Amino acid sequence: MKAHVYVTPKKTVLDPQGQAICNALRKMRYAGVADVRQGKCFELTLDDQLPAAEARAEVERIAREVLTNPVIEEFSFRLE
């Protein structure tokens, strides 16, 4: 089983990298892009024997305690 964890700055936190990417896209004439938030993606390979409910709880704990800075970042994840 794989888990994909997405970490991005909170909406209330300034994202200078995202703004720079957005400005570059506008200069390159990609007119349809209104905003960019830059973040990180982690792919975790989980033990296949781990039940889905335990896997979900474990990934959420890892994301909350290790992969994000809760003051300025938020996360989402999906299991496959």
C-alpha atoms as a PDB file:
ATOM      1  CA  MET A   1       0.000   0.000   0.000  1.00  0.00           C
ATOM      2  CA  LYS A   2       1.214   3.511  -0.777  1.00  0.00           C
ATOM      3  CA  ALA A   3       0.408   6.777   0.929  1.00  0.00           C
ATOM      4  CA  HIS A   4       0.795  10.138  -0.773  1.00  0.00           C
ATOM      5  CA  VAL A   5       1.135  13.043   1.657  1.00  0.00           C
ATOM      6  CA  TYR A   6       0.817  16.611   0.375  1.00  0.00           C
ATOM      7  CA  VAL A   7       2.183  19.449   2.508  1.00  0.00           C
ATOM      8  CA  THR A   8       1.466  23.092   1.637  1.00  0.00           C
ATOM      9  CA  PRO A   9       1.717  26.424   3.418  1.00  0.00           C
ATOM     10  CA  LYS A  10      -1.451  27.417   5.254  1.00  0.00           C
ATOM     11  CA  LYS A  11      -3.626  29.837   3.278  1.00  0.00           C
ATOM     12  CA  THR A  12      -2.828  32.559   5.825  1.00  0.00           C
ATOM     13  CA  VAL A  13       0.950  32.161   5.305  1.00  0.00           C
ATOM     14  CA  LEU A  14       2.774  34.090   2.597  1.00  0.00           C
ATOM     15  CA  ASP A  15       4.167  31.742  -0.097  1.00  0.00           C
ATOM     16  CA  PRO A  16       6.962  33.621  -1.910  1.00  0.00           C
ATOM     17  CA  GLN A  17       7.954  30.580  -3.991  1.00  0.00           C
ATOM     18  CA  GLY A  18       4.387  30.103  -5.140  1.00  0.00           C
ATOM     19  CA  GLN A  19       4.121  33.809  -6.002  1.00  0.00           C
ATOM     20  CA  ALA A  20       7.383  33.663  -7.984  1.00  0.00           C
ATOM     21  CA  ILE A  21       6.116  30.643  -9.940  1.00  0.00           C
ATOM     22  CA  CYS A  22       2.789  32.376 -10.590  1.00  0.00           C
ATOM     23  CA  ASN A  23       4.548  35.536 -11.801  1.00  0.00           C
ATOM     24  CA  ALA A  24       6.810  33.484 -14.084  1.00  0.00           C
ATOM     25  CA  LEU A  25       3.810  31.682 -15.574  1.00  0.00           C
ATOM     26  CA  ARG A  26       2.093  35.010 -16.246  1.00  0.00           C
ATOM     27  CA  LYS A  27       5.234  36.332 -17.955  1.00  0.00           C
ATOM     28  CA  MET A  28       5.245  33.157 -20.062  1.00  0.00           C
ATOM     29  CA  ARG A  29       1.634  34.031 -21.026  1.00  0.00           C
ATOM     30  CA  TYR A  30      -0.153  31.256 -19.155  1.00  0.00           C
ATOM     31  CA  ALA A  31      -3.182  33.469 -18.600  1.00  0.00           C
ATOM     32  CA  GLY A  32      -5.415  30.854 -16.937  1.00  0.00           C
ATOM     33  CA  VAL A  33      -3.366  30.525 -13.735  1.00  0.00           C
ATOM     34  CA  ALA A  34      -4.773  32.669 -10.911  1.00  0.00           C
ATOM     35  CA  ASP A  35      -2.569  31.500  -8.021  1.00  0.00           C
ATOM     36  CA  VAL A  36       0.158  28.975  -7.171  1.00  0.00           C
ATOM     37  CA  ARG A  37       0.867  27.420  -3.779  1.00  0.00           C
ATOM     38  CA  GLN A  38       4.186  25.583  -3.692  1.00  0.00           C
ATOM     39  CA  GLY A  39       4.495  22.557  -1.422  1.00  0.00           C
ATOM     40  CA  LYS A  40       5.987  19.120  -0.887  1.00  0.00           C
ATOM     41  CA  CYS A  41       4.816  15.622  -1.775  1.00  0.00           C
ATOM     42  CA  PHE A  42       5.905  12.503   0.112  1.00  0.00           C
ATOM     43  CA  GLU A  43       5.295   8.927  -1.045  1.00  0.00           C
ATOM     44  CA  LEU A  44       5.328   6.357   1.749  1.00  0.00           C
ATOM     45  CA  THR A  45       5.328   2.625   1.097  1.00  0.00           C
ATOM     46  CA  LEU A  46       3.414   0.892   3.863  1.00  0.00           C
ATOM     47  CA  ASP A  47       3.463  -2.706   5.025  1.00  0.00           C
ATOM     48  CA  ASP A  48       0.844  -4.637   3.029  1.00  0.00           C
ATOM     49  CA  GLN A  49      -0.223  -6.430   6.212  1.00  0.00           C
ATOM     50  CA  LEU A  50      -1.295  -3.183   7.869  1.00  0.00           C
ATOM     51  CA  PRO A  51      -5.104  -2.874   8.010  1.00  0.00           C
ATOM     52  CA  ALA A  52      -6.509   0.179   6.191  1.00  0.00           C
ATOM     53  CA  ALA A  53      -7.767   1.894   9.358  1.00  0.00           C
ATOM     54  CA  GLU A  54      -4.377   1.518  11.064  1.00  0.00           C
ATOM     55  CA  ALA A  55      -2.569   2.676   7.917  1.00  0.00           C
ATOM     56  CA  ARG A  56      -4.736   5.804   7.765  1.00  0.00           C
ATOM     57  CA  ALA A  57      -4.077   6.575  11.447  1.00  0.00           C
ATOM     58  CA  GLU A  58      -0.330   5.946  11.098  1.00  0.00           C
ATOM     59  CA  VAL A  59       0.029   8.146   8.002  1.00  0.00           C
ATOM     60  CA  GLU A  60      -1.942  10.945   9.642  1.00  0.00           C
ATOM     61  CA  ARG A  61       0.294  10.742  12.715  1.00  0.00           C
ATOM     62  CA  ILE A  62       3.486  10.761  10.605  1.00  0.00           C
ATOM     63  CA  ALA A  63       2.248  13.725   8.582  1.00  0.00           C
ATOM     64  CA  ARG A  64       1.219  15.687  11.677  1.00  0.00           C
ATOM     65  CA  GLU A  65       4.278  14.916  13.841  1.00  0.00           C
ATOM     66  CA  VAL A  66       7.122  14.594  11.329  1.00  0.00           C
ATOM     67  CA  LEU A  67       6.383  15.916   7.844  1.00  0.00           C
ATOM     68  CA  THR A  68       4.737  19.257   8.625  1.00  0.00           C
ATOM     69  CA  ASN A  69       5.400  22.330  10.683  1.00  0.00           C
ATOM     70  CA  PRO A  70       1.908  22.820  12.174  1.00  0.00           C
ATOM     71  CA  VAL A  71       2.464  26.546  12.710  1.00  0.00           C
ATOM     72  CA  ILE A  72       2.778  27.333   8.987  1.00  0.00           C
ATOM     73  CA  GLU A  73       1.825  24.167   7.056  1.00  0.00           C
ATOM     74  CA  GLU A  74      -1.169  21.928   6.501  1.00  0.00           C
ATOM     75  CA  PHE A  75      -1.384  18.481   4.952  1.00  0.00           C
ATOM     76  CA  SER A  76      -3.665  16.103   3.134  1.00  0.00           C
ATOM     77  CA  PHE A  77      -3.081  12.510   2.119  1.00  0.00           C
ATOM     78  CA  ARG A  78      -4.491   9.607   0.160  1.00  0.00           C
ATOM     79  CA  LEU A  79      -3.934   5.880   0.352  1.00  0.00           C
ATOM     80  CA  GLU A  80      -3.789   3.582  -2.637  1.00  0.00           C
END
